[in-house]
Amino acid sequence: MNADSTRGPSIVVAITGATGAIYGVRLLAALRAGGARTHLVVSRAGWLTLHDEMGMDRAALRDAADVYHDQNEVGASIASGSFRHDGMVIAPCSMKTLAAVAHGLDDNLISRAADVTLKERRKLVMLARETPLTLAHLRNMTLVTEMGAVVMPPLPAFYAKPESIEAMVDYTVQRVLDQLGLNREDAYRRWAGLGAGRA
């Protein structure tokens, strides 16, 4: 499927091998529902996690995006700063990918696209997935934050009273859309203070 230039903002979505493949899948769906064009790239380990956690095959996920790029496609459009897009999200983001971005390794298309996003001063959101964290993880998070990235571990907000895993995931997806400037004020239940709405 090719991107349609008449549609809305263009967002790069990367899925790596950390647990939480559902975040990337639900993000793609939310972006499409909102009229955004998506460029998708999945790491080798990301495909394994998608199959293991969601039973999802490659064809189904590729159909969820407007444009799909192989992780080894070094000549892809998203590998160049001259390609204009409106932000990139790595969901989920493994510690290996975090380290590659933090140290500018550009070892595959995901880390290269993230590097390009940072150097062009565009929004990069990284849903970092690991616990507990080592000092290396923390230092790498500091490095990417200093470069302009947003490190956003996908944590549930229990004040929203989620009733399912999907509801918890979608809350994080809505927060990602906030970071990209693509959300309405009433898109989801926001914190209004203790006792808000009570008699």
N, C-alpha and C. Protein backbone atom coordinates (compact mmCIF):
# COMPACT_ATOMS: atom_id res chain seq x y z
N MET A 1 0.85 -1.18 0.00
CA MET A 1 0.00 0.00 0.00
C MET A 1 0.89 1.24 0.00
N ASN A 2 0.59 2.22 -0.79
CA ASN A 2 1.39 3.43 -0.88
C ASN A 2 0.75 4.56 -0.10
N ALA A 3 1.63 5.43 0.41
CA ALA A 3 1.12 6.58 1.15
C ALA A 3 0.40 7.53 0.21
N ASP A 4 -0.68 8.12 0.67
CA ASP A 4 -1.46 9.08 -0.09
C ASP A 4 -1.11 10.47 0.40
N SER A 5 -0.53 11.28 -0.47
CA SER A 5 -0.05 12.59 -0.07
C SER A 5 -1.19 13.53 0.32
N THR A 6 -2.44 13.17 0.04
CA THR A 6 -3.56 14.02 0.40
C THR A 6 -4.00 13.79 1.84
N ARG A 7 -3.46 12.78 2.49
CA ARG A 7 -3.84 12.49 3.86
C ARG A 7 -3.06 13.34 4.84
N GLY A 8 -3.27 13.11 6.12
CA GLY A 8 -2.74 13.96 7.17
C GLY A 8 -1.27 13.78 7.45
N PRO A 9 -0.87 14.01 8.69
CA PRO A 9 0.55 13.96 9.07
C PRO A 9 1.16 12.59 8.81
N SER A 10 2.47 12.59 8.63
CA SER A 10 3.21 11.36 8.35
C SER A 10 4.03 10.97 9.57
N ILE A 11 3.83 9.76 10.06
CA ILE A 11 4.47 9.29 11.28
C ILE A 11 5.22 7.99 11.00
N VAL A 12 6.46 7.90 11.49
CA VAL A 12 7.25 6.68 11.39
C VAL A 12 7.01 5.86 12.66
N VAL A 13 6.67 4.59 12.50
CA VAL A 13 6.44 3.69 13.63
C VAL A 13 7.42 2.53 13.53
N ALA A 14 8.16 2.28 14.60
CA ALA A 14 9.08 1.15 14.66
C ALA A 14 8.66 0.22 15.78
N ILE A 15 8.75 -1.08 15.53
CA ILE A 15 8.44 -2.09 16.53
C ILE A 15 9.68 -2.95 16.72
N THR A 16 10.18 -3.02 17.95
CA THR A 16 11.38 -3.82 18.23
C THR A 16 10.98 -5.05 19.04
N GLY A 17 11.97 -5.81 19.48
CA GLY A 17 11.71 -7.11 20.09
C GLY A 17 11.35 -7.11 21.55
N ALA A 18 11.27 -5.94 22.19
CA ALA A 18 10.87 -5.92 23.59
C ALA A 18 9.43 -6.37 23.73
N THR A 19 9.06 -6.85 24.91
CA THR A 19 7.67 -7.22 25.13
C THR A 19 6.78 -5.99 25.02
N GLY A 20 5.56 -6.20 24.52
CA GLY A 20 4.64 -5.08 24.35
C GLY A 20 4.40 -4.73 22.90
N ALA A 21 4.47 -5.73 22.02
CA ALA A 21 4.22 -5.48 20.60
C ALA A 21 2.85 -4.86 20.36
N ILE A 22 1.91 -5.11 21.26
CA ILE A 22 0.57 -4.56 21.12
C ILE A 22 0.56 -3.04 21.07
N TYR A 23 1.55 -2.40 21.71
CA TYR A 23 1.60 -0.93 21.69
C TYR A 23 1.80 -0.42 20.26
N GLY A 24 2.70 -1.04 19.52
CA GLY A 24 2.92 -0.63 18.15
C GLY A 24 1.72 -0.90 17.27
N VAL A 25 1.07 -2.05 17.48
CA VAL A 25 -0.09 -2.42 16.67
C VAL A 25 -1.25 -1.47 16.92
N ARG A 26 -1.54 -1.18 18.19
CA ARG A 26 -2.65 -0.28 18.52
C ARG A 26 -2.34 1.16 18.09
N LEU A 27 -1.06 1.53 18.12
CA LEU A 27 -0.68 2.87 17.66
C LEU A 27 -0.94 3.02 16.17
N LEU A 28 -0.57 2.00 15.39
CA LEU A 28 -0.83 2.04 13.96
C LEU A 28 -2.32 2.22 13.68
N ALA A 29 -3.15 1.49 14.41
CA ALA A 29 -4.60 1.59 14.22
C ALA A 29 -5.12 2.98 14.58
N ALA A 30 -4.60 3.54 15.68
CA ALA A 30 -5.05 4.87 16.11
C ALA A 30 -4.62 5.95 15.12
N LEU A 31 -3.42 5.82 14.59
CA LEU A 31 -2.94 6.79 13.61
C LEU A 31 -3.76 6.72 12.33
N ARG A 32 -4.07 5.52 11.89
CA ARG A 32 -4.90 5.38 10.68
C ARG A 32 -6.29 5.96 10.92
N ALA A 33 -6.86 5.68 12.08
CA ALA A 33 -8.19 6.20 12.39
C ALA A 33 -8.20 7.72 12.42
N GLY A 34 -7.06 8.31 12.80
CA GLY A 34 -6.95 9.77 12.86
C GLY A 34 -6.54 10.41 11.55
N GLY A 35 -6.36 9.60 10.50
CA GLY A 35 -6.03 10.14 9.19
C GLY A 35 -4.56 10.34 8.92
N ALA A 36 -3.68 9.83 9.80
CA ALA A 36 -2.25 9.97 9.58
C ALA A 36 -1.74 8.93 8.60
N ARG A 37 -0.67 9.24 7.89
CA ARG A 37 0.04 8.29 7.04
C ARG A 37 1.16 7.67 7.88
N THR A 38 1.39 6.38 7.72
CA THR A 38 2.39 5.70 8.55
C THR A 38 3.44 4.99 7.71
N HIS A 39 4.67 5.08 8.19
CA HIS A 39 5.79 4.31 7.66
C HIS A 39 6.21 3.35 8.76
N LEU A 40 6.20 2.06 8.47
CA LEU A 40 6.47 1.03 9.47
C LEU A 40 7.78 0.32 9.20
N VAL A 41 8.55 0.08 10.27
CA VAL A 41 9.73 -0.77 10.19
C VAL A 41 9.75 -1.64 11.44
N VAL A 42 10.04 -2.92 11.27
CA VAL A 42 10.02 -3.89 12.37
C VAL A 42 11.37 -4.60 12.42
N SER A 43 11.93 -4.72 13.60
CA SER A 43 13.20 -5.44 13.74
C SER A 43 12.97 -6.94 13.62
N ARG A 44 14.04 -7.69 13.42
CA ARG A 44 13.94 -9.15 13.34
C ARG A 44 13.33 -9.72 14.62
N ALA A 45 13.81 -9.24 15.76
CA ALA A 45 13.25 -9.71 17.03
C ALA A 45 11.81 -9.22 17.22
N GLY A 46 11.49 -8.07 16.62
CA GLY A 46 10.13 -7.55 16.70
C GLY A 46 9.13 -8.48 16.05
N TRP A 47 9.51 -9.07 14.91
CA TRP A 47 8.62 -10.02 14.25
C TRP A 47 8.38 -11.25 15.15
N LEU A 48 9.43 -11.69 15.83
CA LEU A 48 9.28 -12.85 16.72
C LEU A 48 8.32 -12.54 17.87
N THR A 49 8.45 -11.34 18.43
CA THR A 49 7.58 -10.95 19.54
C THR A 49 6.14 -10.79 19.08
N LEU A 50 5.95 -10.19 17.91
CA LEU A 50 4.60 -10.04 17.36
C LEU A 50 3.91 -11.39 17.20
N HIS A 51 4.66 -12.36 16.71
CA HIS A 51 4.08 -13.69 16.52
C HIS A 51 3.81 -14.36 17.86
N ASP A 52 4.75 -14.24 18.79
CA ASP A 52 4.63 -14.92 20.08
C ASP A 52 3.53 -14.31 20.94
N GLU A 53 3.46 -12.97 21.00
CA GLU A 53 2.52 -12.31 21.90
C GLU A 53 1.13 -12.12 21.29
N MET A 54 1.07 -11.98 19.96
CA MET A 54 -0.20 -11.63 19.33
C MET A 54 -0.64 -12.61 18.24
N GLY A 55 0.23 -13.56 17.89
CA GLY A 55 -0.11 -14.48 16.82
C GLY A 55 -0.27 -13.78 15.49
N MET A 56 0.43 -12.67 15.31
CA MET A 56 0.25 -11.82 14.13
C MET A 56 1.26 -12.18 13.06
N ASP A 57 0.80 -12.29 11.81
CA ASP A 57 1.73 -12.58 10.73
C ASP A 57 2.16 -11.29 10.04
N ARG A 58 3.16 -11.39 9.20
CA ARG A 58 3.75 -10.21 8.57
C ARG A 58 2.76 -9.49 7.66
N ALA A 59 1.99 -10.24 6.92
CA ALA A 59 1.06 -9.61 5.97
C ALA A 59 0.04 -8.75 6.69
N ALA A 60 -0.49 -9.24 7.80
CA ALA A 60 -1.50 -8.50 8.53
C ALA A 60 -0.95 -7.19 9.06
N LEU A 61 0.27 -7.21 9.58
CA LEU A 61 0.84 -5.98 10.13
C LEU A 61 1.21 -5.01 9.01
N ARG A 62 1.76 -5.51 7.93
CA ARG A 62 2.10 -4.63 6.81
C ARG A 62 0.88 -3.90 6.29
N ASP A 63 -0.25 -4.59 6.28
CA ASP A 63 -1.50 -3.98 5.80
C ASP A 63 -1.99 -2.88 6.75
N ALA A 64 -1.51 -2.87 7.98
CA ALA A 64 -1.92 -1.86 8.95
C ALA A 64 -1.21 -0.53 8.75
N ALA A 65 -0.16 -0.52 7.91
CA ALA A 65 0.61 0.69 7.64
C ALA A 65 0.45 1.10 6.18
N ASP A 66 0.75 2.35 5.90
CA ASP A 66 0.70 2.82 4.51
C ASP A 66 1.93 2.38 3.73
N VAL A 67 3.09 2.43 4.39
CA VAL A 67 4.35 2.04 3.75
C VAL A 67 5.12 1.16 4.72
N TYR A 68 5.65 0.05 4.23
CA TYR A 68 6.47 -0.84 5.05
C TYR A 68 7.91 -0.82 4.53
N HIS A 69 8.87 -0.76 5.46
CA HIS A 69 10.29 -0.80 5.13
C HIS A 69 10.96 -1.95 5.88
N ASP A 70 11.80 -2.72 5.21
CA ASP A 70 12.58 -3.75 5.87
C ASP A 70 13.67 -3.10 6.72
N GLN A 71 14.01 -3.72 7.86
CA GLN A 71 14.99 -3.12 8.75
C GLN A 71 16.37 -2.99 8.12
N ASN A 72 16.65 -3.76 7.06
CA ASN A 72 17.95 -3.69 6.38
C ASN A 72 17.93 -2.79 5.15
N GLU A 73 16.82 -2.12 4.92
CA GLU A 73 16.67 -1.27 3.73
C GLU A 73 17.34 0.09 3.97
N VAL A 74 18.65 0.11 3.80
CA VAL A 74 19.41 1.32 4.13
C VAL A 74 19.10 2.48 3.18
N GLY A 75 18.54 2.18 2.02
CA GLY A 75 18.18 3.22 1.07
C GLY A 75 16.75 3.69 1.20
N ALA A 76 16.07 3.33 2.28
CA ALA A 76 14.67 3.72 2.47
C ALA A 76 14.53 5.23 2.62
N SER A 77 13.37 5.73 2.29
CA SER A 77 13.12 7.17 2.40
C SER A 77 13.37 7.69 3.81
N ILE A 78 12.94 6.92 4.82
CA ILE A 78 13.03 7.39 6.21
C ILE A 78 14.46 7.39 6.74
N ALA A 79 15.42 6.91 5.93
CA ALA A 79 16.84 6.93 6.33
C ALA A 79 17.49 8.26 6.02
N SER A 80 16.78 9.17 5.39
CA SER A 80 17.36 10.45 4.99
C SER A 80 16.66 11.61 5.68
N GLY A 81 17.44 12.59 6.07
CA GLY A 81 16.88 13.79 6.68
C GLY A 81 16.07 14.63 5.72
N SER A 82 16.27 14.43 4.42
CA SER A 82 15.50 15.20 3.45
C SER A 82 14.07 14.69 3.30
N PHE A 83 13.81 13.48 3.82
CA PHE A 83 12.44 12.96 3.83
C PHE A 83 11.70 13.62 4.99
N ARG A 84 10.61 14.29 4.70
CA ARG A 84 9.89 15.03 5.73
C ARG A 84 8.81 14.15 6.37
N HIS A 85 8.82 14.12 7.68
CA HIS A 85 7.75 13.46 8.43
C HIS A 85 7.49 14.26 9.69
N ASP A 86 6.46 13.86 10.43
CA ASP A 86 6.01 14.65 11.57
C ASP A 86 6.32 14.02 12.91
N GLY A 87 7.15 12.99 12.92
CA GLY A 87 7.54 12.37 14.17
C GLY A 87 7.74 10.88 14.02
N MET A 88 8.44 10.30 14.99
CA MET A 88 8.72 8.87 15.00
C MET A 88 8.45 8.31 16.39
N VAL A 89 7.88 7.12 16.42
CA VAL A 89 7.61 6.43 17.68
C VAL A 89 8.20 5.02 17.60
N ILE A 90 8.97 4.64 18.62
CA ILE A 90 9.47 3.27 18.72
C ILE A 90 8.67 2.59 19.83
N ALA A 91 7.78 1.67 19.42
CA ALA A 91 6.81 1.10 20.36
C ALA A 91 6.63 -0.40 20.10
N PRO A 92 7.17 -1.22 20.98
CA PRO A 92 8.00 -0.90 22.13
C PRO A 92 9.45 -0.68 21.72
N CYS A 93 10.22 -0.11 22.63
CA CYS A 93 11.64 0.15 22.36
C CYS A 93 12.49 -0.72 23.28
N SER A 94 13.25 -1.63 22.66
CA SER A 94 14.13 -2.50 23.44
C SER A 94 15.33 -1.72 23.96
N MET A 95 16.01 -2.25 24.95
CA MET A 95 17.21 -1.60 25.48
C MET A 95 18.34 -1.62 24.44
N LYS A 96 18.35 -2.62 23.57
CA LYS A 96 19.34 -2.65 22.50
C LYS A 96 19.14 -1.49 21.54
N THR A 97 17.89 -1.25 21.16
CA THR A 97 17.60 -0.13 20.27
C THR A 97 17.86 1.20 20.96
N LEU A 98 17.49 1.31 22.22
CA LEU A 98 17.78 2.52 22.99
C LEU A 98 19.28 2.80 22.98
N ALA A 99 20.09 1.77 23.23
CA ALA A 99 21.54 1.95 23.24
C ALA A 99 22.07 2.37 21.87
N ALA A 100 21.53 1.76 20.81
CA ALA A 100 21.97 2.09 19.45
C ALA A 100 21.67 3.55 19.13
N VAL A 101 20.51 4.03 19.53
CA VAL A 101 20.15 5.43 19.28
C VAL A 101 21.00 6.35 20.15
N ALA A 102 21.19 5.98 21.41
CA ALA A 102 21.96 6.82 22.33
C ALA A 102 23.39 7.03 21.85
N HIS A 103 23.94 6.02 21.17
CA HIS A 103 25.35 6.09 20.76
C HIS A 103 25.52 6.27 19.25
N GLY A 104 24.42 6.58 18.55
CA GLY A 104 24.48 6.89 17.14
C GLY A 104 25.03 5.77 16.27
N LEU A 105 24.66 4.53 16.58
CA LEU A 105 25.25 3.40 15.86
C LEU A 105 24.69 3.23 14.45
N ASP A 106 23.44 3.64 14.23
CA ASP A 106 22.81 3.50 12.90
C ASP A 106 23.02 2.09 12.33
N ASP A 107 22.82 1.07 13.17
CA ASP A 107 23.13 -0.31 12.76
C ASP A 107 22.00 -0.98 11.99
N ASN A 108 20.81 -0.37 11.95
CA ASN A 108 19.73 -0.85 11.10
C ASN A 108 18.83 0.34 10.79
N LEU A 109 17.76 0.11 10.06
CA LEU A 109 16.92 1.22 9.64
C LEU A 109 16.21 1.89 10.82
N ILE A 110 15.92 1.13 11.87
CA ILE A 110 15.25 1.74 13.02
C ILE A 110 16.14 2.77 13.69
N SER A 111 17.37 2.38 14.03
CA SER A 111 18.26 3.33 14.70
C SER A 111 18.68 4.46 13.76
N ARG A 112 18.80 4.16 12.46
CA ARG A 112 19.13 5.22 11.50
C ARG A 112 17.99 6.24 11.39
N ALA A 113 16.75 5.76 11.27
CA ALA A 113 15.61 6.67 11.18
C ALA A 113 15.46 7.49 12.46
N ALA A 114 15.75 6.88 13.61
CA ALA A 114 15.70 7.61 14.87
C ALA A 114 16.78 8.68 14.91
N ASP A 115 17.98 8.35 14.45
CA ASP A 115 19.08 9.30 14.40
C ASP A 115 18.72 10.48 13.52
N VAL A 116 18.15 10.19 12.35
CA VAL A 116 17.73 11.24 11.42
C VAL A 116 16.65 12.11 12.06
N THR A 117 15.71 11.49 12.75
CA THR A 117 14.65 12.25 13.42
C THR A 117 15.24 13.23 14.42
N LEU A 118 16.22 12.79 15.19
CA LEU A 118 16.84 13.66 16.18
C LEU A 118 17.65 14.78 15.53
N LYS A 119 18.42 14.43 14.52
CA LYS A 119 19.28 15.47 13.92
C LYS A 119 18.47 16.53 13.19
N GLU A 120 17.27 16.17 12.73
CA GLU A 120 16.40 17.13 12.07
C GLU A 120 15.48 17.84 13.06
N ARG A 121 15.69 17.56 14.36
CA ARG A 121 14.93 18.19 15.44
C ARG A 121 13.43 17.91 15.35
N ARG A 122 13.12 16.66 15.00
CA ARG A 122 11.74 16.22 15.00
C ARG A 122 11.46 15.40 16.26
N LYS A 123 10.20 15.18 16.54
CA LYS A 123 9.81 14.46 17.75
C LYS A 123 10.12 12.97 17.62
N LEU A 124 10.84 12.43 18.62
CA LEU A 124 11.10 11.00 18.72
C LEU A 124 10.60 10.53 20.08
N VAL A 125 9.64 9.60 20.07
CA VAL A 125 9.07 9.05 21.30
C VAL A 125 9.48 7.59 21.41
N MET A 126 10.05 7.21 22.55
CA MET A 126 10.58 5.86 22.73
C MET A 126 9.88 5.19 23.92
N LEU A 127 9.06 4.18 23.63
CA LEU A 127 8.37 3.45 24.69
C LEU A 127 9.30 2.36 25.22
N ALA A 128 10.21 2.79 26.09
CA ALA A 128 11.26 1.92 26.60
C ALA A 128 10.68 0.85 27.51
N ARG A 129 11.04 -0.42 27.23
CA ARG A 129 10.48 -1.55 27.97
C ARG A 129 11.59 -2.39 28.59
N GLU A 130 11.74 -2.26 29.89
CA GLU A 130 12.63 -3.12 30.66
C GLU A 130 12.41 -2.82 32.13
N THR A 131 12.60 -3.81 32.97
CA THR A 131 12.57 -3.60 34.40
C THR A 131 13.17 -4.81 35.10
N PRO A 132 13.97 -4.65 36.15
CA PRO A 132 14.50 -3.38 36.63
C PRO A 132 15.53 -2.81 35.66
N LEU A 133 15.92 -1.56 35.88
CA LEU A 133 16.84 -0.88 34.98
C LEU A 133 18.27 -0.93 35.51
N THR A 134 19.21 -1.18 34.62
CA THR A 134 20.62 -1.11 34.99
C THR A 134 21.12 0.33 34.83
N LEU A 135 22.32 0.59 35.31
CA LEU A 135 22.91 1.91 35.16
C LEU A 135 23.10 2.24 33.68
N ALA A 136 23.44 1.23 32.87
CA ALA A 136 23.59 1.46 31.43
C ALA A 136 22.28 1.93 30.82
N HIS A 137 21.16 1.30 31.20
CA HIS A 137 19.86 1.70 30.69
C HIS A 137 19.57 3.16 31.06
N LEU A 138 19.79 3.50 32.31
CA LEU A 138 19.50 4.85 32.79
C LEU A 138 20.36 5.89 32.08
N ARG A 139 21.63 5.56 31.90
CA ARG A 139 22.52 6.51 31.23
C ARG A 139 22.13 6.68 29.77
N ASN A 140 21.73 5.60 29.13
CA ASN A 140 21.29 5.72 27.74
C ASN A 140 20.01 6.53 27.63
N MET A 141 19.11 6.38 28.60
CA MET A 141 17.90 7.21 28.61
C MET A 141 18.25 8.68 28.77
N THR A 142 19.24 8.96 29.62
CA THR A 142 19.68 10.34 29.79
C THR A 142 20.25 10.88 28.49
N LEU A 143 21.07 10.08 27.81
CA LEU A 143 21.68 10.53 26.56
C LEU A 143 20.64 10.88 25.51
N VAL A 144 19.66 10.00 25.30
CA VAL A 144 18.67 10.29 24.26
C VAL A 144 17.78 11.46 24.66
N THR A 145 17.51 11.62 25.95
CA THR A 145 16.73 12.76 26.41
C THR A 145 17.48 14.06 26.15
N GLU A 146 18.78 14.05 26.42
CA GLU A 146 19.60 15.25 26.15
C GLU A 146 19.65 15.58 24.66
N MET A 147 19.46 14.57 23.81
CA MET A 147 19.44 14.79 22.36
C MET A 147 18.07 15.24 21.86
N GLY A 148 17.06 15.20 22.73
CA GLY A 148 15.74 15.67 22.35
C GLY A 148 14.65 14.63 22.28
N ALA A 149 14.98 13.36 22.51
CA ALA A 149 13.97 12.31 22.49
C ALA A 149 13.10 12.36 23.75
N VAL A 150 11.93 11.75 23.66
CA VAL A 150 11.06 11.59 24.82
C VAL A 150 11.06 10.12 25.18
N VAL A 151 11.57 9.79 26.37
CA VAL A 151 11.54 8.41 26.86
C VAL A 151 10.24 8.24 27.63
N MET A 152 9.41 7.33 27.16
CA MET A 152 8.06 7.21 27.69
C MET A 152 7.72 5.75 27.98
N PRO A 153 8.16 5.23 29.13
CA PRO A 153 7.80 3.85 29.48
C PRO A 153 6.29 3.70 29.50
N PRO A 154 5.76 2.64 28.91
CA PRO A 154 4.30 2.47 28.82
C PRO A 154 3.70 1.99 30.13
N LEU A 155 3.39 2.95 31.00
CA LEU A 155 2.86 2.64 32.33
C LEU A 155 1.37 2.94 32.39
N PRO A 156 0.58 2.07 33.01
CA PRO A 156 -0.86 2.31 33.09
C PRO A 156 -1.19 3.42 34.07
N ALA A 157 -2.30 4.09 33.82
CA ALA A 157 -2.82 5.10 34.76
C ALA A 157 -4.07 4.50 35.41
N PHE A 158 -3.96 4.12 36.64
CA PHE A 158 -5.07 3.42 37.28
C PHE A 158 -6.21 4.35 37.65
N TYR A 159 -5.96 5.68 37.68
CA TYR A 159 -7.07 6.60 37.94
C TYR A 159 -8.09 6.57 36.79
N ALA A 160 -7.64 6.09 35.61
CA ALA A 160 -8.56 5.96 34.48
C ALA A 160 -9.45 4.73 34.61
N LYS A 161 -9.19 3.93 35.65
CA LYS A 161 -9.97 2.72 35.94
C LYS A 161 -10.11 1.80 34.72
N PRO A 162 -8.98 1.37 34.16
CA PRO A 162 -9.04 0.49 32.98
C PRO A 162 -9.66 -0.85 33.34
N GLU A 163 -10.47 -1.38 32.43
CA GLU A 163 -11.17 -2.64 32.66
C GLU A 163 -10.61 -3.78 31.84
N SER A 164 -9.56 -3.51 31.07
CA SER A 164 -8.97 -4.55 30.24
C SER A 164 -7.53 -4.17 29.90
N ILE A 165 -6.78 -5.14 29.40
CA ILE A 165 -5.43 -4.86 28.93
C ILE A 165 -5.48 -3.87 27.78
N GLU A 166 -6.46 -4.04 26.89
CA GLU A 166 -6.58 -3.13 25.75
C GLU A 166 -6.79 -1.70 26.21
N ALA A 167 -7.57 -1.51 27.27
CA ALA A 167 -7.82 -0.16 27.78
C ALA A 167 -6.53 0.46 28.32
N MET A 168 -5.71 -0.34 29.00
CA MET A 168 -4.43 0.16 29.51
C MET A 168 -3.50 0.52 28.36
N VAL A 169 -3.47 -0.33 27.34
CA VAL A 169 -2.62 -0.07 26.18
C VAL A 169 -3.09 1.19 25.47
N ASP A 170 -4.39 1.32 25.27
CA ASP A 170 -4.92 2.46 24.53
C ASP A 170 -4.69 3.77 25.27
N TYR A 171 -4.67 3.73 26.61
CA TYR A 171 -4.35 4.94 27.37
C TYR A 171 -2.95 5.43 26.99
N THR A 172 -1.98 4.50 26.95
CA THR A 172 -0.62 4.88 26.57
C THR A 172 -0.57 5.38 25.14
N VAL A 173 -1.29 4.73 24.25
CA VAL A 173 -1.33 5.17 22.85
C VAL A 173 -1.86 6.59 22.75
N GLN A 174 -2.89 6.91 23.54
CA GLN A 174 -3.42 8.28 23.52
C GLN A 174 -2.39 9.28 24.04
N ARG A 175 -1.61 8.87 25.03
CA ARG A 175 -0.55 9.76 25.52
C ARG A 175 0.52 9.98 24.47
N VAL A 176 0.80 8.94 23.68
CA VAL A 176 1.75 9.09 22.57
C VAL A 176 1.21 10.10 21.55
N LEU A 177 -0.07 9.98 21.22
CA LEU A 177 -0.67 10.93 20.28
C LEU A 177 -0.60 12.35 20.82
N ASP A 178 -0.73 12.51 22.14
CA ASP A 178 -0.54 13.82 22.75
C ASP A 178 0.86 14.35 22.46
N GLN A 179 1.86 13.50 22.63
CA GLN A 179 3.25 13.91 22.38
C GLN A 179 3.46 14.36 20.93
N LEU A 180 2.74 13.73 20.03
CA LEU A 180 2.86 14.07 18.61
C LEU A 180 1.98 15.25 18.21
N GLY A 181 1.18 15.73 19.14
CA GLY A 181 0.28 16.84 18.84
C GLY A 181 -0.88 16.44 17.96
N LEU A 182 -1.31 15.17 18.05
CA LEU A 182 -2.34 14.65 17.16
C LEU A 182 -3.62 14.26 17.89
N ASN A 183 -3.81 14.77 19.10
CA ASN A 183 -4.96 14.33 19.89
C ASN A 183 -5.90 15.47 20.22
N ARG A 184 -7.17 15.13 20.41
CA ARG A 184 -8.16 16.08 20.89
C ARG A 184 -8.10 16.14 22.41
N GLU A 185 -8.58 17.23 22.96
CA GLU A 185 -8.59 17.39 24.42
C GLU A 185 -9.47 16.33 25.08
N ASP A 186 -10.55 15.91 24.39
CA ASP A 186 -11.48 14.96 24.97
C ASP A 186 -11.25 13.53 24.48
N ALA A 187 -10.05 13.24 24.01
CA ALA A 187 -9.79 11.93 23.40
C ALA A 187 -9.81 10.79 24.42
N TYR A 188 -9.51 11.08 25.66
CA TYR A 188 -9.51 10.04 26.69
C TYR A 188 -9.65 10.70 28.05
N ARG A 189 -9.81 9.89 29.08
CA ARG A 189 -10.02 10.44 30.42
C ARG A 189 -8.71 10.99 30.97
N ARG A 190 -8.68 12.30 31.16
CA ARG A 190 -7.49 12.97 31.67
C ARG A 190 -7.66 13.25 33.16
N TRP A 191 -6.55 13.38 33.84
CA TRP A 191 -6.59 13.65 35.28
C TRP A 191 -7.19 15.02 35.51
N ALA A 192 -8.21 15.10 36.36
CA ALA A 192 -8.89 16.35 36.64
C ALA A 192 -8.78 16.73 38.11
N GLY A 193 -8.01 15.98 38.87
CA GLY A 193 -7.85 16.26 40.28
C GLY A 193 -8.66 15.29 41.13
N LEU A 194 -8.23 15.11 42.37
CA LEU A 194 -8.93 14.19 43.27
C LEU A 194 -10.35 14.68 43.52
N GLY A 195 -11.29 13.76 43.40
CA GLY A 195 -12.69 14.09 43.67
C GLY A 195 -13.39 14.77 42.53
N ALA A 196 -12.73 14.95 41.39
CA ALA A 196 -13.36 15.63 40.27
C ALA A 196 -14.60 14.85 39.81
N GLY A 197 -15.68 15.55 39.62
CA GLY A 197 -16.90 14.92 39.13
C GLY A 197 -17.77 14.35 40.25
N ARG A 198 -17.28 14.41 41.50
CA ARG A 198 -18.09 13.88 42.60
C ARG A 198 -19.08 14.92 43.09
N ALA A 199 -20.14 14.45 43.70
CA ALA A 199 -21.15 15.37 44.21
C ALA A 199 -20.57 16.14 45.39
